[in-house]
Amino acid sequence: MSIVFDSVDIKGLRVVHFEQLLSYLERREYDSWYYGNRKQFEKRHEEIKEWLCKIIEYARSEGVIIPIRRKEGKK
């Protein structure tokens, strides 16, 4: 059985949520820790950071609005 993610719901998140995640990545760079194979870890780290920076850049674009997450039962 395989699971495919074709979309991820980010409703209710704001740019500051993504910036906070980016700060965690940057702190890891400052502390220089890793686990497992360092080369593979650093590659994944850079891919995640690149992905997150693209999200932040896009979310800051003019006209981009992240919808508010509605509580269950409300319309």
N, C-alpha and C. Protein backbone atom coordinates (compact mmCIF):
# COMPACT_ATOMS: atom_id res chain seq x y z
N MET A 1 0.84 -1.17 0.00
CA MET A 1 0.00 0.00 0.00
C MET A 1 0.89 1.24 0.00
N SER A 2 0.56 2.20 -0.85
CA SER A 2 1.32 3.44 -0.86
C SER A 2 0.39 4.62 -0.62
N ILE A 3 0.95 5.64 -0.05
CA ILE A 3 0.20 6.87 0.21
C ILE A 3 0.85 7.98 -0.61
N VAL A 4 0.04 8.73 -1.33
CA VAL A 4 0.55 9.81 -2.15
C VAL A 4 0.00 11.14 -1.63
N PHE A 5 0.89 12.06 -1.39
CA PHE A 5 0.48 13.40 -1.00
C PHE A 5 0.47 14.26 -2.25
N ASP A 6 -0.69 14.68 -2.68
CA ASP A 6 -0.73 15.55 -3.85
C ASP A 6 -1.08 16.98 -3.45
N SER A 7 -1.50 17.16 -2.21
CA SER A 7 -1.71 18.51 -1.70
C SER A 7 -1.65 18.46 -0.18
N VAL A 8 -1.23 19.56 0.38
CA VAL A 8 -1.15 19.67 1.83
C VAL A 8 -1.94 20.91 2.23
N ASP A 9 -2.87 20.76 3.14
CA ASP A 9 -3.72 21.85 3.58
C ASP A 9 -2.91 22.78 4.49
N ILE A 10 -2.78 24.03 4.09
CA ILE A 10 -2.08 25.01 4.93
C ILE A 10 -3.02 26.10 5.41
N LYS A 11 -4.32 25.83 5.31
CA LYS A 11 -5.30 26.81 5.78
C LYS A 11 -5.03 27.15 7.23
N GLY A 12 -5.11 28.42 7.54
CA GLY A 12 -4.91 28.86 8.91
C GLY A 12 -3.47 29.18 9.25
N LEU A 13 -2.54 28.76 8.40
CA LEU A 13 -1.14 29.09 8.63
C LEU A 13 -0.84 30.44 8.00
N ARG A 14 0.11 31.13 8.54
CA ARG A 14 0.53 32.43 8.02
C ARG A 14 2.02 32.37 7.72
N VAL A 15 2.50 33.41 7.07
CA VAL A 15 3.92 33.47 6.72
C VAL A 15 4.78 33.28 7.97
N VAL A 16 4.36 33.81 9.10
CA VAL A 16 5.17 33.69 10.31
C VAL A 16 5.33 32.22 10.74
N HIS A 17 4.37 31.37 10.43
CA HIS A 17 4.53 29.95 10.74
C HIS A 17 5.71 29.36 9.95
N PHE A 18 5.78 29.71 8.68
CA PHE A 18 6.86 29.21 7.84
C PHE A 18 8.20 29.84 8.22
N GLU A 19 8.17 31.11 8.59
CA GLU A 19 9.39 31.78 9.05
C GLU A 19 9.90 31.15 10.34
N GLN A 20 9.00 30.72 11.20
CA GLN A 20 9.40 30.06 12.44
C GLN A 20 10.09 28.73 12.11
N LEU A 21 9.54 27.98 11.20
CA LEU A 21 10.19 26.73 10.78
C LEU A 21 11.57 27.01 10.21
N LEU A 22 11.67 28.07 9.40
CA LEU A 22 12.96 28.43 8.83
C LEU A 22 13.96 28.78 9.93
N SER A 23 13.49 29.44 10.98
CA SER A 23 14.41 29.78 12.09
C SER A 23 14.92 28.51 12.77
N TYR A 24 14.10 27.46 12.84
CA TYR A 24 14.57 26.19 13.39
C TYR A 24 15.69 25.61 12.53
N LEU A 25 15.50 25.68 11.21
CA LEU A 25 16.53 25.18 10.30
C LEU A 25 17.83 25.97 10.46
N GLU A 26 17.69 27.29 10.57
CA GLU A 26 18.87 28.13 10.72
C GLU A 26 19.56 27.89 12.05
N ARG A 27 18.82 27.63 13.09
CA ARG A 27 19.43 27.32 14.39
C ARG A 27 20.21 26.01 14.30
N ARG A 28 19.66 25.04 13.58
CA ARG A 28 20.37 23.77 13.39
C ARG A 28 21.70 24.03 12.68
N GLU A 29 21.72 24.94 11.73
CA GLU A 29 22.96 25.28 11.04
C GLU A 29 23.96 25.89 12.02
N TYR A 30 23.48 26.74 12.92
CA TYR A 30 24.34 27.38 13.91
C TYR A 30 24.92 26.33 14.87
N ASP A 31 24.08 25.41 15.33
CA ASP A 31 24.52 24.38 16.27
C ASP A 31 25.31 23.27 15.59
N SER A 32 25.11 23.12 14.29
CA SER A 32 25.85 22.16 13.45
C SER A 32 25.64 20.69 13.82
N TRP A 33 24.50 20.37 14.39
CA TRP A 33 24.24 18.96 14.69
C TRP A 33 23.62 18.27 13.48
N TYR A 34 23.69 16.98 13.48
CA TYR A 34 23.08 16.15 12.45
C TYR A 34 22.95 14.74 13.00
N TYR A 35 22.21 13.91 12.29
CA TYR A 35 22.15 12.50 12.67
C TYR A 35 22.22 11.66 11.41
N GLY A 36 22.67 10.43 11.58
CA GLY A 36 22.85 9.54 10.42
C GLY A 36 24.03 9.98 9.57
N ASN A 37 23.91 9.69 8.29
CA ASN A 37 24.95 10.04 7.34
C ASN A 37 24.95 11.56 7.14
N ARG A 38 26.06 12.21 7.43
CA ARG A 38 26.10 13.68 7.39
C ARG A 38 25.81 14.23 5.99
N LYS A 39 26.40 13.62 4.98
CA LYS A 39 26.20 14.10 3.61
C LYS A 39 24.72 14.04 3.23
N GLN A 40 24.07 12.94 3.54
CA GLN A 40 22.65 12.79 3.22
C GLN A 40 21.80 13.74 4.05
N PHE A 41 22.15 13.90 5.32
CA PHE A 41 21.41 14.81 6.20
C PHE A 41 21.49 16.24 5.67
N GLU A 42 22.70 16.68 5.31
CA GLU A 42 22.88 18.05 4.81
C GLU A 42 22.12 18.26 3.50
N LYS A 43 22.09 17.24 2.66
CA LYS A 43 21.35 17.34 1.39
C LYS A 43 19.86 17.53 1.67
N ARG A 44 19.31 16.71 2.57
CA ARG A 44 17.89 16.85 2.94
C ARG A 44 17.63 18.21 3.57
N HIS A 45 18.53 18.64 4.43
CA HIS A 45 18.38 19.92 5.10
C HIS A 45 18.28 21.05 4.08
N GLU A 46 19.17 21.06 3.10
CA GLU A 46 19.16 22.10 2.07
C GLU A 46 17.90 22.03 1.21
N GLU A 47 17.44 20.83 0.91
CA GLU A 47 16.19 20.68 0.13
C GLU A 47 15.00 21.22 0.89
N ILE A 48 14.92 20.93 2.18
CA ILE A 48 13.83 21.43 3.01
C ILE A 48 13.90 22.95 3.10
N LYS A 49 15.10 23.48 3.31
CA LYS A 49 15.27 24.92 3.42
C LYS A 49 14.88 25.63 2.12
N GLU A 50 15.28 25.08 1.00
CA GLU A 50 14.93 25.65 -0.31
C GLU A 50 13.41 25.64 -0.51
N TRP A 51 12.77 24.53 -0.16
CA TRP A 51 11.32 24.38 -0.29
C TRP A 51 10.61 25.41 0.59
N LEU A 52 11.07 25.56 1.81
CA LEU A 52 10.46 26.49 2.75
C LEU A 52 10.63 27.94 2.29
N CYS A 53 11.81 28.28 1.79
CA CYS A 53 12.05 29.64 1.29
C CYS A 53 11.13 29.95 0.11
N LYS A 54 10.88 28.97 -0.75
CA LYS A 54 9.97 29.17 -1.88
C LYS A 54 8.54 29.42 -1.37
N ILE A 55 8.14 28.69 -0.35
CA ILE A 55 6.80 28.88 0.23
C ILE A 55 6.68 30.30 0.79
N ILE A 56 7.70 30.74 1.53
CA ILE A 56 7.67 32.08 2.12
C ILE A 56 7.63 33.15 1.04
N GLU A 57 8.45 32.99 0.03
CA GLU A 57 8.48 33.96 -1.07
C GLU A 57 7.11 34.04 -1.75
N TYR A 58 6.53 32.89 -2.03
CA TYR A 58 5.22 32.87 -2.69
C TYR A 58 4.13 33.45 -1.78
N ALA A 59 4.16 33.08 -0.50
CA ALA A 59 3.14 33.56 0.44
C ALA A 59 3.19 35.06 0.62
N ARG A 60 4.35 35.67 0.41
CA ARG A 60 4.50 37.12 0.52
C ARG A 60 4.11 37.84 -0.78
N SER A 61 3.87 37.09 -1.85
CA SER A 61 3.54 37.69 -3.14
C SER A 61 2.23 38.45 -3.06
N GLU A 62 2.14 39.49 -3.86
CA GLU A 62 0.93 40.29 -3.91
C GLU A 62 -0.25 39.44 -4.38
N GLY A 63 -1.35 39.56 -3.69
CA GLY A 63 -2.57 38.86 -4.08
C GLY A 63 -2.70 37.45 -3.52
N VAL A 64 -1.66 36.94 -2.86
CA VAL A 64 -1.73 35.59 -2.30
C VAL A 64 -2.34 35.67 -0.91
N ILE A 65 -3.39 34.90 -0.70
CA ILE A 65 -4.08 34.85 0.58
C ILE A 65 -4.22 33.39 0.99
N ILE A 66 -3.77 33.08 2.19
CA ILE A 66 -3.96 31.73 2.72
C ILE A 66 -5.29 31.75 3.46
N PRO A 67 -6.24 30.92 3.05
CA PRO A 67 -7.57 30.93 3.69
C PRO A 67 -7.50 30.62 5.19
N ILE A 68 -8.45 31.16 5.90
CA ILE A 68 -8.58 30.89 7.33
C ILE A 68 -9.12 29.48 7.53
N ARG A 69 -8.57 28.77 8.46
CA ARG A 69 -9.08 27.44 8.77
C ARG A 69 -10.36 27.59 9.58
N ARG A 70 -11.39 26.96 9.12
CA ARG A 70 -12.68 27.00 9.82
C ARG A 70 -12.74 25.85 10.80
N LYS A 71 -13.33 26.11 11.95
CA LYS A 71 -13.51 25.05 12.94
C LYS A 71 -14.55 24.07 12.43
N GLU A 72 -14.37 22.81 12.79
CA GLU A 72 -15.32 21.79 12.34
C GLU A 72 -16.73 22.14 12.76
N GLY A 73 -17.66 21.92 11.85
CA GLY A 73 -19.05 22.18 12.15
C GLY A 73 -19.51 23.56 11.73
N LYS A 74 -18.55 24.46 11.45
CA LYS A 74 -18.90 25.81 11.02
C LYS A 74 -18.74 25.92 9.51
N LYS A 75 -19.59 26.72 8.91
CA LYS A 75 -19.49 26.94 7.46
C LYS A 75 -19.35 28.39 7.15
